[in-house]
Amino acid sequence: MIEPFLLRALLAGLGIALVAGPLGAFVVWRRLAIFGEALAHSALLGVVLALLLALDPTLGLLLFAALLACALWALEDQRLLPTDTILSTLAHGALALGLVVLSFVDWLRLDLMAYLFGDILAVSERDLLLVVALLAVVSAVLARHWRALVSLTIEPDLARVEGVPVRRLRLVLDLFIAGTIALGMKLVGIVLVVSLLVVPVAAARPWARTPEQMALFGSLVGALATLIGLTLSAAVDIPSGPAIVVTAVFSFLASSGMHRVLERRGSGRARPSLARRGGAR
């Protein structure tokens, strides 16, 4: 019989994988990996502030990630500096500030390794409920606004003319990505969390002919990587989070290699323009 902590870890990992599939597709299409990295690197400051305010670290992470996502969304249309420059500045500034604050608070005990590389086996029932809630909300919103989100990703100007609330939907999407990253840190840590959004979708990309297939295949690859990674972790006693990410990376390499071989043999078929470009213009 499976141990309760392993079952919670598996269910949480599968929940995040299912959310990360469609959201990761938008991250790839919109080239938002740097946005994810900024949120992840800033997370340590959110954890430290939450502990100083006697808040639960996970809830503190969610609140801080949401605030940062709103700030980045507000700065998205500015023209003073490139967006990636602002993101990099905020991310590394927040990370450095978190370390500085932590060094001045001698009484605060923080397991940096757990936050840097995750501890999926320590997922609590409350963490699992948060993952289920995120999955439910994201699924409902994406089901309702999927076409509009794809439209604003491909041609934002045309979507705006057609009456799509572009900025509002972008904010919703940014908040969902922030929430996924905040909860995903429990699984694989600050260093590796963005890989949950990017790598499974990158593995699925060669085989997807439509945006829907890319999102679905990304979720399936992420779920399979979670299952295999946890199994390997239990079998050979290696860290669970890195094992999941390594499995996802191997799936990407295998997918890319297999697709290239089939293309050389003349079996490859053209993919849809959105998947081929890997993002909006």
Protein backbone atom coordinates (compact mmCIF):
# COMPACT_ATOMS: atom_id res chain seq x y z
CA MET A 1 0.00 0.00 0.00
CA ILE A 2 1.31 3.43 -0.96
CA GLU A 3 2.38 5.69 1.88
CA PRO A 4 0.20 8.81 2.45
CA PHE A 5 3.11 11.22 1.89
CA LEU A 6 3.96 9.53 -1.42
CA LEU A 7 0.32 9.70 -2.50
CA ARG A 8 0.14 13.41 -1.66
CA ALA A 9 3.38 14.01 -3.55
CA LEU A 10 2.11 12.11 -6.60
CA LEU A 11 -1.26 13.86 -6.66
CA ALA A 12 0.32 17.29 -6.19
CA GLY A 13 2.85 16.58 -8.94
CA LEU A 14 0.16 15.40 -11.34
CA GLY A 15 -1.99 18.43 -10.52
CA ILE A 16 0.83 20.86 -11.25
CA ALA A 17 1.70 18.95 -14.43
CA LEU A 18 -1.88 19.23 -15.70
CA VAL A 19 -1.90 22.97 -15.02
CA ALA A 20 1.59 23.49 -16.42
CA GLY A 21 0.70 21.97 -19.80
CA PRO A 22 -1.60 24.71 -21.14
CA LEU A 23 0.08 27.49 -19.17
CA GLY A 24 3.50 26.32 -20.32
CA ALA A 25 2.27 26.46 -23.90
CA PHE A 26 1.48 30.16 -23.46
CA VAL A 27 4.87 30.67 -21.78
CA VAL A 28 6.57 29.17 -24.84
CA TRP A 29 4.39 30.94 -27.39
CA ARG A 30 4.79 34.35 -25.73
CA ARG A 31 8.45 33.73 -24.84
CA LEU A 32 7.74 34.29 -21.16
CA ALA A 33 10.41 31.99 -19.72
CA ILE A 34 12.24 35.05 -18.40
CA PHE A 35 9.00 36.07 -16.66
CA GLY A 36 8.91 32.71 -14.92
CA GLU A 37 12.56 32.98 -13.94
CA ALA A 38 11.92 36.42 -12.49
CA LEU A 39 9.06 35.12 -10.35
CA ALA A 40 11.09 32.12 -9.20
CA HIS A 41 14.19 34.10 -8.27
CA SER A 42 12.09 36.63 -6.40
CA ALA A 43 10.40 33.91 -4.35
CA LEU A 44 12.99 33.81 -1.59
CA LEU A 45 12.12 37.37 -0.60
CA GLY A 46 8.46 36.37 -0.43
CA VAL A 47 9.27 33.43 1.84
CA VAL A 48 11.40 35.57 4.16
CA LEU A 49 8.76 38.30 4.38
CA ALA A 50 6.04 35.73 5.06
CA LEU A 51 8.02 34.21 7.93
CA LEU A 52 8.79 37.65 9.37
CA LEU A 53 5.06 38.45 9.30
CA ALA A 54 4.20 35.07 10.84
CA LEU A 55 2.39 33.93 7.70
CA ASP A 56 2.38 30.49 6.17
CA PRO A 57 5.28 30.39 3.66
CA THR A 58 3.16 28.86 0.89
CA LEU A 59 0.45 31.50 1.24
CA GLY A 60 3.13 34.17 1.47
CA LEU A 61 4.67 32.87 -1.72
CA LEU A 62 1.33 32.98 -3.51
CA LEU A 63 0.63 36.55 -2.38
CA PHE A 64 4.13 37.77 -3.24
CA ALA A 65 4.07 36.07 -6.64
CA ALA A 66 0.67 37.62 -7.38
CA LEU A 67 1.88 41.09 -6.40
CA LEU A 68 4.99 40.73 -8.54
CA ALA A 69 2.92 39.47 -11.48
CA CYS A 70 0.67 42.53 -11.19
CA ALA A 71 3.71 44.83 -11.06
CA LEU A 72 5.25 43.22 -14.14
CA TRP A 73 1.91 43.36 -15.96
CA ALA A 74 1.66 47.07 -15.20
CA LEU A 75 5.15 47.62 -16.63
CA GLU A 76 4.52 45.46 -19.70
CA ASP A 77 3.59 48.31 -22.03
CA GLN A 78 6.26 50.77 -20.93
CA ARG A 79 8.85 51.77 -23.52
CA LEU A 80 11.72 53.05 -21.35
CA LEU A 81 13.56 49.73 -21.08
CA PRO A 82 13.20 46.28 -22.68
CA THR A 83 10.92 43.99 -20.68
CA ASP A 84 13.62 41.37 -20.17
CA THR A 85 15.93 44.01 -18.68
CA ILE A 86 13.27 45.03 -16.15
CA LEU A 87 12.49 41.40 -15.33
CA SER A 88 16.14 40.52 -14.79
CA THR A 89 16.70 43.59 -12.60
CA LEU A 90 13.66 42.91 -10.42
CA ALA A 91 14.39 39.19 -10.15
CA HIS A 92 18.00 39.43 -9.08
CA GLY A 93 17.32 42.47 -6.94
CA ALA A 94 14.59 40.64 -5.04
CA LEU A 95 16.75 37.52 -4.67
CA ALA A 96 19.67 39.54 -3.34
CA LEU A 97 17.40 41.50 -0.98
CA GLY A 98 15.94 38.26 0.36
CA LEU A 99 19.42 36.93 1.13
CA VAL A 100 20.41 40.22 2.76
CA VAL A 101 17.31 40.29 4.98
CA LEU A 102 17.86 36.64 5.87
CA SER A 103 21.44 37.35 6.95
CA PHE A 104 20.24 40.03 9.41
CA VAL A 105 17.58 37.85 11.01
CA ASP A 106 19.60 35.41 13.10
CA TRP A 107 16.60 33.80 14.76
CA LEU A 108 14.90 32.89 11.48
CA ARG A 109 15.47 29.25 10.56
CA LEU A 110 15.08 28.64 6.85
CA ASP A 111 16.00 25.49 4.95
CA LEU A 112 17.45 27.09 1.84
CA MET A 113 18.08 23.75 0.13
CA ALA A 114 14.39 22.82 0.38
CA TYR A 115 13.37 26.10 -1.25
CA LEU A 116 16.13 26.01 -3.86
CA PHE A 117 15.58 22.40 -4.96
CA GLY A 118 12.14 21.56 -3.58
CA ASP A 119 10.82 18.90 -1.24
CA ILE A 120 7.86 17.25 -2.92
CA LEU A 121 7.69 14.53 -0.27
CA ALA A 122 6.87 17.22 2.31
CA VAL A 123 3.67 18.26 0.50
CA SER A 124 0.92 18.68 3.09
CA GLU A 125 -2.83 18.20 2.74
CA ARG A 126 -3.23 21.98 2.57
CA ASP A 127 -0.66 22.19 -0.23
CA LEU A 128 -2.56 19.50 -2.11
CA LEU A 129 -5.84 21.38 -1.65
CA LEU A 130 -4.21 24.53 -3.04
CA VAL A 131 -3.00 22.59 -6.09
CA VAL A 132 -6.50 21.15 -6.64
CA ALA A 133 -8.03 24.62 -6.31
CA LEU A 134 -5.52 26.05 -8.80
CA LEU A 135 -6.23 23.22 -11.23
CA ALA A 136 -10.00 23.77 -10.97
CA VAL A 137 -9.84 27.54 -11.45
CA VAL A 138 -7.32 27.43 -14.30
CA SER A 139 -9.25 24.69 -16.09
CA ALA A 140 -12.51 26.63 -15.84
CA VAL A 141 -11.02 29.91 -17.08
CA LEU A 142 -9.06 28.31 -19.92
CA ALA A 143 -12.10 26.35 -21.07
CA ARG A 144 -14.12 29.57 -21.20
CA HIS A 145 -11.49 31.87 -22.74
CA TRP A 146 -9.18 29.51 -24.64
CA ARG A 147 -9.87 30.91 -28.11
CA ALA A 148 -9.46 34.48 -26.89
CA LEU A 149 -6.17 33.65 -25.16
CA VAL A 150 -4.80 31.94 -28.27
CA SER A 151 -5.99 34.86 -30.39
CA LEU A 152 -4.26 37.49 -28.25
CA THR A 153 -1.11 35.34 -28.28
CA ILE A 154 -1.01 35.06 -32.07
CA GLU A 155 -2.24 38.53 -33.06
CA PRO A 156 -2.85 40.82 -30.06
CA ASP A 157 -3.73 43.82 -32.23
CA LEU A 158 -6.32 41.85 -34.18
CA ALA A 159 -7.70 40.37 -30.96
CA ARG A 160 -8.07 43.87 -29.53
CA VAL A 161 -9.96 45.02 -32.63
CA GLU A 162 -12.27 42.02 -32.31
CA GLY A 163 -13.17 43.09 -28.78
CA VAL A 164 -10.99 40.70 -26.80
CA PRO A 165 -10.03 42.26 -23.42
CA VAL A 166 -6.34 41.75 -24.11
CA ARG A 167 -4.83 43.42 -21.05
CA ARG A 168 -7.30 41.85 -18.63
CA LEU A 169 -6.74 38.35 -20.00
CA ARG A 170 -2.99 38.87 -19.95
CA LEU A 171 -3.22 39.75 -16.28
CA VAL A 172 -5.26 36.62 -15.58
CA LEU A 173 -2.73 34.51 -17.47
CA ASP A 174 0.19 36.11 -15.62
CA LEU A 175 -1.50 35.46 -12.27
CA PHE A 176 -2.09 31.82 -13.17
CA ILE A 177 1.56 31.41 -14.15
CA ALA A 178 2.61 33.07 -10.90
CA GLY A 179 0.39 30.74 -8.87
CA THR A 180 1.72 27.67 -10.67
CA ILE A 181 5.31 28.73 -10.07
CA ALA A 182 4.63 29.48 -6.40
CA LEU A 183 3.07 26.05 -5.79
CA GLY A 184 5.53 24.29 -8.07
CA MET A 185 8.42 25.47 -5.90
CA LYS A 186 7.29 23.00 -3.25
CA LEU A 187 7.87 20.24 -5.78
CA VAL A 188 11.14 21.11 -7.51
CA GLY A 189 12.36 24.34 -5.90
CA ILE A 190 13.24 27.85 -7.02
CA VAL A 191 16.08 26.73 -9.28
CA LEU A 192 14.08 24.21 -11.33
CA VAL A 193 10.44 25.33 -11.16
CA VAL A 194 10.31 27.07 -14.54
CA SER A 195 11.35 23.79 -16.17
CA LEU A 196 7.94 22.37 -15.19
CA LEU A 197 6.32 24.94 -17.49
CA VAL A 198 8.79 24.88 -20.37
CA VAL A 199 10.37 21.43 -20.77
CA PRO A 200 7.23 19.22 -21.11
CA VAL A 201 5.73 21.62 -23.65
CA ALA A 202 9.03 21.73 -25.55
CA ALA A 203 8.98 17.92 -25.66
CA ALA A 204 5.41 17.95 -26.96
CA ARG A 205 5.95 20.70 -29.51
CA PRO A 206 7.30 18.59 -32.43
CA TRP A 207 4.20 16.40 -32.42
CA ALA A 208 1.51 19.05 -31.96
CA ARG A 209 -0.50 20.17 -34.96
CA THR A 210 -2.82 22.51 -33.06
CA PRO A 211 -2.51 24.70 -29.95
CA GLU A 212 -4.89 22.37 -28.13
CA GLN A 213 -2.72 19.35 -28.88
CA MET A 214 0.38 21.17 -27.70
CA ALA A 215 -1.26 22.01 -24.36
CA LEU A 216 -2.63 18.47 -23.93
CA PHE A 217 0.61 16.72 -24.90
CA GLY A 218 2.54 19.04 -22.57
CA SER A 219 0.32 18.01 -19.67
CA LEU A 220 0.75 14.33 -20.50
CA VAL A 221 4.54 14.62 -20.71
CA GLY A 222 4.65 16.50 -17.42
CA ALA A 223 2.43 13.92 -15.71
CA LEU A 224 4.55 11.06 -17.04
CA ALA A 225 7.76 12.78 -15.94
CA THR A 226 6.29 13.25 -12.46
CA LEU A 227 5.30 9.58 -12.20
CA ILE A 228 8.64 8.28 -13.48
CA GLY A 229 10.67 10.79 -11.46
CA LEU A 230 8.94 9.88 -8.20
CA THR A 231 9.34 6.17 -8.95
CA LEU A 232 13.06 6.59 -9.62
CA SER A 233 13.42 8.71 -6.50
CA ALA A 234 11.89 6.00 -4.35
CA ALA A 235 13.79 3.19 -6.09
CA VAL A 236 17.35 4.57 -6.07
CA ASP A 237 17.10 7.20 -3.31
CA ILE A 238 17.70 10.38 -5.30
CA PRO A 239 16.07 13.82 -4.79
CA SER A 240 12.51 13.77 -6.09
CA GLY A 241 12.34 17.25 -7.64
CA PRO A 242 15.52 16.99 -9.70
CA ALA A 243 14.53 13.44 -10.71
CA ILE A 244 11.26 14.78 -12.17
CA VAL A 245 13.04 17.52 -14.10
CA VAL A 246 15.76 15.18 -15.40
CA THR A 247 13.04 12.81 -16.62
CA ALA A 248 11.30 15.69 -18.40
CA VAL A 249 14.58 16.76 -20.02
CA PHE A 250 15.24 13.22 -21.24
CA SER A 251 11.73 13.13 -22.69
CA PHE A 252 12.49 16.37 -24.54
CA LEU A 253 15.75 14.98 -25.93
CA ALA A 254 14.06 11.73 -26.95
CA SER A 255 11.14 13.56 -28.54
CA SER A 256 13.39 15.92 -30.49
CA GLY A 257 15.68 13.13 -31.62
CA MET A 258 12.86 10.86 -32.72
CA HIS A 259 11.11 13.63 -34.61
CA ARG A 260 14.34 14.57 -36.40
CA VAL A 261 14.89 10.96 -37.45
CA LEU A 262 11.35 10.70 -38.80
CA GLU A 263 11.74 13.96 -40.69
CA ARG A 264 14.94 12.71 -42.31
CA ARG A 265 13.11 9.57 -43.40
CA GLY A 266 10.41 11.69 -44.94
CA SER A 267 7.80 10.80 -42.36
CA GLY A 268 7.69 14.21 -40.66
CA ARG A 269 4.68 16.36 -41.32
CA ALA A 270 4.38 20.11 -41.14
CA ARG A 271 3.28 21.49 -37.82
CA PRO A 272 0.89 24.40 -37.36
CA SER A 273 2.39 27.85 -37.74
CA LEU A 274 1.88 28.72 -34.06
CA ALA A 275 3.71 25.63 -32.81
CA ARG A 276 6.42 26.00 -35.44
CA ARG A 277 7.14 29.62 -34.58
CA GLY A 278 7.04 28.77 -30.89
CA GLY A 279 5.28 31.99 -30.01
CA ALA A 280 3.54 35.13 -31.02
CA ARG A 281 5.22 37.87 -32.93
